[in-house]
N, C-alpha and C. Protein backbone atom coordinates (compact mmCIF):
# COMPACT_ATOMS: atom_id res chain seq x y z
N MET A 1 83.36 40.41 -0.49
CA MET A 1 82.26 41.31 -0.76
C MET A 1 80.95 40.73 -0.23
N LYS A 2 80.76 39.41 -0.40
CA LYS A 2 79.55 38.77 0.10
C LYS A 2 79.47 38.86 1.63
N LYS A 3 80.63 38.71 2.28
CA LYS A 3 80.65 38.81 3.74
C LYS A 3 80.27 40.22 4.18
N LEU A 4 80.71 41.22 3.46
CA LEU A 4 80.39 42.61 3.79
C LEU A 4 78.89 42.86 3.64
N ILE A 5 78.32 42.40 2.56
CA ILE A 5 76.87 42.57 2.34
C ILE A 5 76.08 41.83 3.41
N LEU A 6 76.49 40.61 3.71
CA LEU A 6 75.82 39.84 4.75
C LEU A 6 75.92 40.53 6.11
N THR A 7 77.09 41.06 6.42
CA THR A 7 77.28 41.77 7.69
C THR A 7 76.39 43.00 7.76
N VAL A 8 76.31 43.77 6.69
CA VAL A 8 75.47 44.96 6.65
C VAL A 8 74.01 44.58 6.83
N LEU A 9 73.57 43.54 6.15
CA LEU A 9 72.18 43.09 6.29
C LEU A 9 71.88 42.64 7.72
N LEU A 10 72.81 41.93 8.32
CA LEU A 10 72.60 41.48 9.70
C LEU A 10 72.57 42.65 10.68
N LEU A 11 73.29 43.70 10.37
CA LEU A 11 73.27 44.89 11.23
C LEU A 11 71.98 45.69 11.04
N ILE A 12 71.47 45.72 9.84
CA ILE A 12 70.26 46.50 9.54
C ILE A 12 69.00 45.78 10.01
N LEU A 13 68.98 44.47 9.95
CA LEU A 13 67.79 43.68 10.29
C LEU A 13 67.23 43.99 11.69
N PRO A 14 68.05 44.02 12.75
CA PRO A 14 67.46 44.32 14.08
C PRO A 14 66.81 45.70 14.15
N PHE A 15 67.42 46.69 13.50
CA PHE A 15 66.84 48.03 13.52
C PHE A 15 65.53 48.07 12.75
N THR A 16 65.44 47.31 11.69
CA THR A 16 64.20 47.24 10.92
C THR A 16 63.11 46.58 11.75
N MET A 17 63.46 45.53 12.47
CA MET A 17 62.47 44.84 13.31
C MET A 17 61.99 45.76 14.43
N ILE A 18 62.89 46.53 15.02
CA ILE A 18 62.50 47.45 16.09
C ILE A 18 61.60 48.54 15.54
N ALA A 19 61.95 49.10 14.40
CA ALA A 19 61.17 50.19 13.81
C ALA A 19 59.78 49.74 13.40
N CYS A 20 59.63 48.48 13.06
CA CYS A 20 58.33 47.97 12.63
C CYS A 20 57.55 47.29 13.75
N SER A 21 58.08 47.33 14.95
CA SER A 21 57.40 46.63 16.05
C SER A 21 56.10 47.32 16.42
N PRO A 22 55.15 46.59 17.00
CA PRO A 22 53.87 47.18 17.40
C PRO A 22 54.03 48.30 18.42
N VAL A 23 55.06 48.23 19.27
CA VAL A 23 55.27 49.29 20.25
C VAL A 23 55.61 50.60 19.55
N GLN A 24 56.44 50.56 18.53
CA GLN A 24 56.81 51.76 17.80
C GLN A 24 55.63 52.31 17.00
N ASN A 25 54.76 51.45 16.56
CA ASN A 25 53.63 51.89 15.74
C ASN A 25 52.34 52.00 16.55
N ASN A 26 52.45 52.07 17.85
CA ASN A 26 51.28 52.16 18.72
C ASN A 26 50.61 53.51 18.54
N ILE A 27 49.45 53.52 17.91
CA ILE A 27 48.79 54.80 17.64
C ILE A 27 48.31 55.47 18.91
N GLN A 28 48.20 54.72 20.00
CA GLN A 28 47.78 55.33 21.26
C GLN A 28 48.78 56.38 21.72
N THR A 29 50.05 56.24 21.37
CA THR A 29 51.04 57.20 21.82
C THR A 29 50.93 58.53 21.09
N ASN A 30 50.15 58.61 20.04
CA ASN A 30 49.95 59.87 19.34
C ASN A 30 48.48 60.19 19.16
N THR A 31 47.65 59.69 20.01
CA THR A 31 46.23 59.93 19.88
C THR A 31 45.89 61.34 20.33
N PRO A 32 45.26 62.14 19.47
CA PRO A 32 44.92 63.50 19.86
C PRO A 32 43.80 63.56 20.89
N LEU A 33 43.64 64.71 21.49
CA LEU A 33 42.69 64.94 22.57
C LEU A 33 41.29 64.45 22.24
N ASP A 34 40.75 64.81 21.10
CA ASP A 34 39.36 64.47 20.80
C ASP A 34 39.14 62.97 20.64
N GLU A 35 40.16 62.22 20.25
CA GLU A 35 40.01 60.77 20.09
C GLU A 35 40.15 60.03 21.43
N GLN A 36 40.75 60.65 22.43
CA GLN A 36 40.91 60.02 23.74
C GLN A 36 39.74 60.35 24.65
N ASN A 37 38.90 61.28 24.26
CA ASN A 37 37.79 61.74 25.09
C ASN A 37 38.27 62.35 26.39
N ILE A 38 39.42 63.01 26.35
CA ILE A 38 39.92 63.75 27.51
C ILE A 38 39.21 65.09 27.53
N THR A 39 38.54 65.38 28.62
CA THR A 39 37.77 66.62 28.73
C THR A 39 38.58 67.67 29.49
N ALA A 40 38.09 68.90 29.45
CA ALA A 40 38.72 69.98 30.23
C ALA A 40 38.66 69.64 31.72
N GLU A 41 37.58 68.99 32.14
CA GLU A 41 37.46 68.57 33.54
C GLU A 41 38.53 67.53 33.89
N ASP A 42 38.78 66.57 32.98
CA ASP A 42 39.84 65.58 33.19
C ASP A 42 41.18 66.27 33.38
N ILE A 43 41.46 67.24 32.52
CA ILE A 43 42.74 67.95 32.58
C ILE A 43 42.88 68.68 33.90
N GLU A 44 41.84 69.37 34.33
CA GLU A 44 41.88 70.09 35.61
C GLU A 44 42.05 69.12 36.78
N GLU A 45 41.37 67.98 36.73
CA GLU A 45 41.52 66.97 37.78
C GLU A 45 42.95 66.43 37.80
N GLY A 46 43.51 66.19 36.62
CA GLY A 46 44.89 65.71 36.53
C GLY A 46 45.88 66.73 37.08
N LYS A 47 45.67 68.00 36.75
CA LYS A 47 46.54 69.05 37.28
C LYS A 47 46.46 69.10 38.80
N GLN A 48 45.25 68.94 39.33
CA GLN A 48 45.07 68.97 40.78
C GLN A 48 45.78 67.79 41.44
N VAL A 49 45.75 66.62 40.80
CA VAL A 49 46.45 65.45 41.33
C VAL A 49 47.94 65.75 41.46
N ILE A 50 48.53 66.36 40.44
CA ILE A 50 49.96 66.66 40.47
C ILE A 50 50.26 67.73 41.53
N GLN A 51 49.41 68.74 41.65
CA GLN A 51 49.61 69.76 42.68
C GLN A 51 49.50 69.14 44.08
N ASP A 52 48.51 68.28 44.27
CA ASP A 52 48.34 67.61 45.57
C ASP A 52 49.54 66.70 45.87
N TYR A 53 50.05 66.05 44.84
CA TYR A 53 51.22 65.18 44.98
C TYR A 53 52.43 65.99 45.44
N ALA A 54 52.66 67.14 44.81
CA ALA A 54 53.79 67.99 45.18
C ALA A 54 53.64 68.47 46.62
N GLU A 55 52.44 68.90 46.99
CA GLU A 55 52.20 69.36 48.37
C GLU A 55 52.42 68.23 49.37
N ALA A 56 51.95 67.03 49.04
CA ALA A 56 52.12 65.89 49.94
C ALA A 56 53.60 65.52 50.09
N LEU A 57 54.35 65.56 48.99
CA LEU A 57 55.78 65.28 49.08
C LEU A 57 56.48 66.33 49.93
N ASN A 58 56.16 67.60 49.69
CA ASN A 58 56.80 68.69 50.43
C ASN A 58 56.51 68.61 51.92
N SER A 59 55.32 68.14 52.28
CA SER A 59 54.96 68.06 53.70
C SER A 59 55.28 66.69 54.32
N GLY A 60 55.76 65.75 53.51
CA GLY A 60 56.10 64.42 54.01
C GLY A 60 54.88 63.56 54.33
N ASP A 61 53.77 63.81 53.64
CA ASP A 61 52.51 63.09 53.88
C ASP A 61 52.49 61.80 53.04
N LEU A 62 53.05 60.75 53.59
CA LEU A 62 53.20 59.48 52.89
C LEU A 62 51.87 58.87 52.47
N GLU A 63 50.87 58.96 53.32
CA GLU A 63 49.56 58.38 53.02
C GLU A 63 48.94 59.04 51.78
N THR A 64 48.98 60.36 51.71
CA THR A 64 48.42 61.06 50.55
C THR A 64 49.22 60.77 49.29
N VAL A 65 50.55 60.75 49.40
CA VAL A 65 51.39 60.44 48.24
C VAL A 65 50.98 59.09 47.66
N ASN A 66 50.84 58.09 48.50
CA ASN A 66 50.49 56.75 48.01
C ASN A 66 49.09 56.68 47.42
N LYS A 67 48.16 57.50 47.89
CA LYS A 67 46.82 57.54 47.30
C LYS A 67 46.85 58.16 45.90
N LEU A 68 47.81 59.04 45.65
CA LEU A 68 47.89 59.73 44.36
C LEU A 68 48.71 58.97 43.33
N LEU A 69 49.41 57.93 43.75
CA LEU A 69 50.21 57.12 42.84
C LEU A 69 49.44 55.89 42.40
N GLY A 70 49.58 55.53 41.13
CA GLY A 70 49.00 54.30 40.62
C GLY A 70 49.76 53.10 41.16
N LYS A 71 49.22 51.92 40.94
CA LYS A 71 49.83 50.71 41.50
C LYS A 71 51.24 50.48 40.98
N HIS A 72 51.56 51.02 39.81
CA HIS A 72 52.90 50.88 39.24
C HIS A 72 53.95 51.58 40.10
N MET A 73 53.57 52.68 40.77
CA MET A 73 54.53 53.47 41.55
C MET A 73 54.35 53.36 43.07
N ARG A 74 53.27 52.73 43.51
CA ARG A 74 53.06 52.61 44.96
C ARG A 74 54.22 51.88 45.60
N GLY A 75 54.61 52.35 46.76
CA GLY A 75 55.73 51.75 47.47
C GLY A 75 57.05 52.42 47.17
N LEU A 76 57.07 53.34 46.21
CA LEU A 76 58.30 54.05 45.87
C LEU A 76 58.80 54.88 47.06
N TYR A 77 57.86 55.50 47.76
CA TYR A 77 58.22 56.32 48.92
C TYR A 77 57.91 55.57 50.20
N HIS A 78 58.72 55.82 51.21
CA HIS A 78 58.54 55.23 52.53
C HIS A 78 59.05 56.22 53.56
N ASP A 79 58.94 55.87 54.83
CA ASP A 79 59.34 56.80 55.90
C ASP A 79 60.78 57.27 55.76
N GLY A 80 61.64 56.46 55.18
CA GLY A 80 63.05 56.81 55.06
C GLY A 80 63.38 57.79 53.96
N ASN A 81 62.49 57.98 52.97
CA ASN A 81 62.83 58.88 51.87
C ASN A 81 61.78 59.94 51.56
N ILE A 82 60.66 59.94 52.25
CA ILE A 82 59.57 60.86 51.93
C ILE A 82 59.96 62.32 52.20
N ASP A 83 60.85 62.55 53.15
CA ASP A 83 61.23 63.93 53.50
C ASP A 83 62.39 64.46 52.66
N SER A 84 62.87 63.71 51.70
CA SER A 84 64.06 64.14 50.96
C SER A 84 63.75 64.91 49.68
N ILE A 85 62.48 65.24 49.43
CA ILE A 85 62.12 65.87 48.16
C ILE A 85 61.44 67.21 48.40
N THR A 86 61.90 68.21 47.65
CA THR A 86 61.25 69.52 47.61
C THR A 86 60.85 69.77 46.17
N MET A 87 59.58 70.02 45.95
CA MET A 87 59.06 70.17 44.59
C MET A 87 58.13 71.38 44.55
N LYS A 88 58.52 72.41 43.81
CA LYS A 88 57.66 73.58 43.63
C LYS A 88 57.34 73.70 42.15
N ILE A 89 56.06 73.75 41.84
CA ILE A 89 55.59 73.74 40.46
C ILE A 89 55.39 75.16 39.96
N ASP A 90 55.95 75.43 38.78
CA ASP A 90 55.73 76.72 38.12
C ASP A 90 54.47 76.66 37.27
N SER A 91 54.34 75.59 36.46
CA SER A 91 53.15 75.43 35.63
C SER A 91 52.94 73.98 35.24
N ILE A 92 51.69 73.67 34.90
CA ILE A 92 51.32 72.34 34.42
C ILE A 92 50.56 72.54 33.13
N GLU A 93 51.02 71.87 32.07
CA GLU A 93 50.41 72.05 30.76
C GLU A 93 49.93 70.71 30.21
N TYR A 94 48.87 70.77 29.44
CA TYR A 94 48.39 69.58 28.74
C TYR A 94 48.77 69.73 27.27
N PRO A 95 49.76 68.98 26.80
CA PRO A 95 50.18 69.12 25.41
C PRO A 95 49.21 68.51 24.41
N GLY A 96 48.31 67.64 24.86
CA GLY A 96 47.32 67.05 23.98
C GLY A 96 47.78 65.80 23.27
N ARG A 97 49.04 65.47 23.37
CA ARG A 97 49.60 64.28 22.74
C ARG A 97 50.65 63.69 23.66
N TYR A 98 51.02 62.47 23.40
CA TYR A 98 52.06 61.83 24.20
C TYR A 98 53.44 62.01 23.58
N THR A 99 53.57 62.88 22.62
CA THR A 99 54.81 62.95 21.86
C THR A 99 56.03 63.32 22.69
N THR A 100 55.86 64.05 23.80
CA THR A 100 57.03 64.43 24.59
C THR A 100 57.37 63.43 25.68
N ALA A 101 56.50 62.49 25.96
CA ALA A 101 56.74 61.55 27.06
C ALA A 101 57.64 60.41 26.60
N LEU A 102 58.69 60.17 27.36
CA LEU A 102 59.57 59.05 27.06
C LEU A 102 58.97 57.73 27.53
N ILE A 103 58.00 57.80 28.43
CA ILE A 103 57.36 56.61 28.95
C ILE A 103 55.98 56.52 28.30
N PRO A 104 55.80 55.64 27.33
CA PRO A 104 54.52 55.62 26.62
C PRO A 104 53.39 55.09 27.50
N PRO A 105 52.16 55.55 27.25
CA PRO A 105 51.04 55.02 28.03
C PRO A 105 50.86 53.52 27.84
N SER A 106 51.48 52.97 26.82
CA SER A 106 51.38 51.52 26.61
C SER A 106 52.10 50.75 27.72
N SER A 107 52.90 51.44 28.55
CA SER A 107 53.55 50.73 29.65
C SER A 107 52.53 50.17 30.63
N TYR A 108 51.37 50.80 30.74
CA TYR A 108 50.30 50.26 31.58
C TYR A 108 49.83 48.93 31.01
N ARG A 109 49.60 48.91 29.70
CA ARG A 109 49.13 47.70 29.03
C ARG A 109 50.14 46.57 29.19
N SER A 110 51.43 46.88 29.03
CA SER A 110 52.44 45.83 29.12
C SER A 110 52.57 45.29 30.54
N ASN A 111 52.29 46.11 31.55
CA ASN A 111 52.38 45.65 32.94
C ASN A 111 51.13 44.93 33.42
N TYR A 112 49.95 45.34 32.94
CA TYR A 112 48.70 44.83 33.51
C TYR A 112 47.81 44.09 32.50
N GLY A 113 48.23 44.02 31.25
CA GLY A 113 47.51 43.22 30.27
C GLY A 113 46.29 43.85 29.65
N HIS A 114 45.99 45.09 30.00
CA HIS A 114 44.85 45.80 29.42
C HIS A 114 45.10 47.30 29.54
N ASP A 115 44.34 48.07 28.80
CA ASP A 115 44.46 49.52 28.86
C ASP A 115 43.68 50.07 30.05
N PRO A 116 44.12 51.21 30.59
CA PRO A 116 43.29 51.87 31.60
C PRO A 116 42.07 52.48 30.92
N TYR A 117 41.09 52.89 31.69
CA TYR A 117 39.91 53.54 31.13
C TYR A 117 40.32 54.80 30.36
N LYS A 118 41.18 55.63 30.96
CA LYS A 118 41.70 56.83 30.30
C LYS A 118 43.14 57.04 30.73
N SER A 119 43.91 57.70 29.89
CA SER A 119 45.26 58.10 30.25
C SER A 119 45.58 59.41 29.56
N MET A 120 46.43 60.21 30.20
CA MET A 120 46.86 61.47 29.60
C MET A 120 48.24 61.82 30.14
N CYS A 121 48.91 62.66 29.41
CA CYS A 121 50.23 63.14 29.79
C CYS A 121 50.13 64.63 30.12
N LEU A 122 50.71 65.03 31.23
CA LEU A 122 50.78 66.44 31.60
C LEU A 122 52.25 66.82 31.73
N TYR A 123 52.58 67.98 31.20
CA TYR A 123 53.94 68.50 31.20
C TYR A 123 54.07 69.47 32.37
N VAL A 124 54.99 69.19 33.29
CA VAL A 124 55.14 69.98 34.51
C VAL A 124 56.48 70.71 34.48
N ILE A 125 56.41 72.02 34.69
CA ILE A 125 57.62 72.85 34.76
C ILE A 125 57.80 73.24 36.23
N PHE A 126 58.98 72.95 36.76
CA PHE A 126 59.26 73.22 38.17
C PHE A 126 60.02 74.53 38.33
N SER A 127 59.70 75.28 39.39
CA SER A 127 60.52 76.42 39.76
C SER A 127 61.61 75.94 40.72
N GLU A 128 61.36 74.81 41.39
CA GLU A 128 62.35 74.21 42.28
C GLU A 128 62.09 72.71 42.35
N PHE A 129 63.16 71.93 42.24
CA PHE A 129 63.04 70.48 42.37
C PHE A 129 64.34 69.97 42.98
N GLU A 130 64.27 69.47 44.20
CA GLU A 130 65.46 68.96 44.88
C GLU A 130 65.14 67.62 45.52
N THR A 131 66.11 66.74 45.46
CA THR A 131 65.98 65.45 46.13
C THR A 131 67.22 65.25 46.99
N GLY A 132 67.22 64.22 47.76
CA GLY A 132 68.40 63.88 48.53
C GLY A 132 69.52 63.37 47.64
N ASP A 133 69.21 63.09 46.39
CA ASP A 133 70.17 62.58 45.41
C ASP A 133 70.59 63.72 44.49
N ALA A 134 71.83 64.16 44.61
CA ALA A 134 72.32 65.30 43.82
C ALA A 134 72.31 65.02 42.31
N SER A 135 72.25 63.75 41.92
CA SER A 135 72.27 63.42 40.49
C SER A 135 70.91 63.66 39.84
N ILE A 136 69.85 63.85 40.64
CA ILE A 136 68.51 64.07 40.09
C ILE A 136 68.17 65.54 40.22
N SER A 137 68.13 66.22 39.10
CA SER A 137 67.75 67.63 39.08
C SER A 137 67.00 67.89 37.79
N MET A 138 65.75 68.29 37.88
CA MET A 138 64.92 68.46 36.69
C MET A 138 64.25 69.81 36.69
N ASP A 139 64.19 70.41 35.51
CA ASP A 139 63.42 71.63 35.34
C ASP A 139 62.00 71.30 34.91
N ASN A 140 61.83 70.15 34.25
CA ASN A 140 60.50 69.76 33.78
C ASN A 140 60.43 68.25 33.63
N TRP A 141 59.22 67.74 33.82
CA TRP A 141 58.96 66.31 33.69
C TRP A 141 57.61 66.13 33.02
N ASP A 142 57.46 64.99 32.37
CA ASP A 142 56.16 64.56 31.86
C ASP A 142 55.58 63.59 32.88
N TYR A 143 54.33 63.78 33.23
CA TYR A 143 53.63 62.88 34.13
C TYR A 143 52.54 62.18 33.34
N ILE A 144 52.49 60.86 33.44
CA ILE A 144 51.43 60.09 32.81
C ILE A 144 50.43 59.72 33.89
N LEU A 145 49.20 60.18 33.70
CA LEU A 145 48.12 59.91 34.64
C LEU A 145 47.13 58.95 34.01
N ILE A 146 46.54 58.12 34.84
CA ILE A 146 45.55 57.16 34.35
C ILE A 146 44.32 57.15 35.25
N LYS A 147 43.22 56.76 34.64
CA LYS A 147 42.00 56.39 35.38
C LYS A 147 41.80 54.92 35.05
N GLU A 148 41.86 54.08 36.05
CA GLU A 148 41.74 52.65 35.80
C GLU A 148 40.34 52.27 35.35
N THR A 149 39.33 52.90 35.95
CA THR A 149 37.94 52.67 35.56
C THR A 149 37.26 54.03 35.46
N GLU A 150 36.05 54.03 34.96
CA GLU A 150 35.31 55.28 34.83
C GLU A 150 35.09 55.95 36.18
N GLU A 151 34.91 55.17 37.23
CA GLU A 151 34.63 55.70 38.56
C GLU A 151 35.89 56.03 39.36
N SER A 152 37.03 55.50 38.98
CA SER A 152 38.24 55.70 39.78
C SER A 152 38.82 57.10 39.58
N PRO A 153 39.59 57.56 40.56
CA PRO A 153 40.21 58.88 40.43
C PRO A 153 41.43 58.82 39.51
N TRP A 154 41.85 59.98 39.04
CA TRP A 154 43.10 60.07 38.30
C TRP A 154 44.24 59.80 39.27
N VAL A 155 45.22 59.00 38.84
CA VAL A 155 46.42 58.74 39.63
C VAL A 155 47.64 58.85 38.72
N ILE A 156 48.79 59.06 39.33
CA ILE A 156 50.04 59.16 38.58
C ILE A 156 50.54 57.75 38.30
N HIS A 157 50.62 57.42 37.02
CA HIS A 157 51.11 56.09 36.62
C HIS A 157 52.63 56.08 36.51
N ASP A 158 53.20 57.14 35.96
CA ASP A 158 54.64 57.17 35.73
C ASP A 158 55.06 58.59 35.41
N TRP A 159 56.37 58.80 35.35
CA TRP A 159 56.89 60.12 34.98
C TRP A 159 58.25 59.96 34.34
N GLY A 160 58.71 60.99 33.70
CA GLY A 160 60.01 60.99 33.04
C GLY A 160 60.26 62.32 32.37
N VAL A 161 61.43 62.43 31.76
CA VAL A 161 61.80 63.68 31.09
C VAL A 161 61.46 63.61 29.63
């Protein structure tokens, strides 16, 4: 009986540690719009970045794609794969919270040791999304955009479902 109790405790302990970790309790991942100081202008600029990104991918414009990606994603595309993606956007929405993003904005902090000036998540619904890889097919993705400094443009930091 003691071995059973000890085994159960040892199994529960890692889950308790994960649930209580600072990453799980990061209030930045649920910060509402008014606390992040995200303005309507920020949202429109972010939407334009994603639209420009889709247009650049569709036309194979590698230089523009790399300008729209944050340093975390730069280098993802190159001459060998830039023409393999077709992306047509149906709508872009600002949910106001990071609750739907699987990639938390804290990933910037963990990679670079500090927070960006601003970050936001935009929910993108595609009417068409095709890649050269048949295993990748998405109807919608969350895009995390960041402004590294007050003067810098919005760029795409990461994305996911």
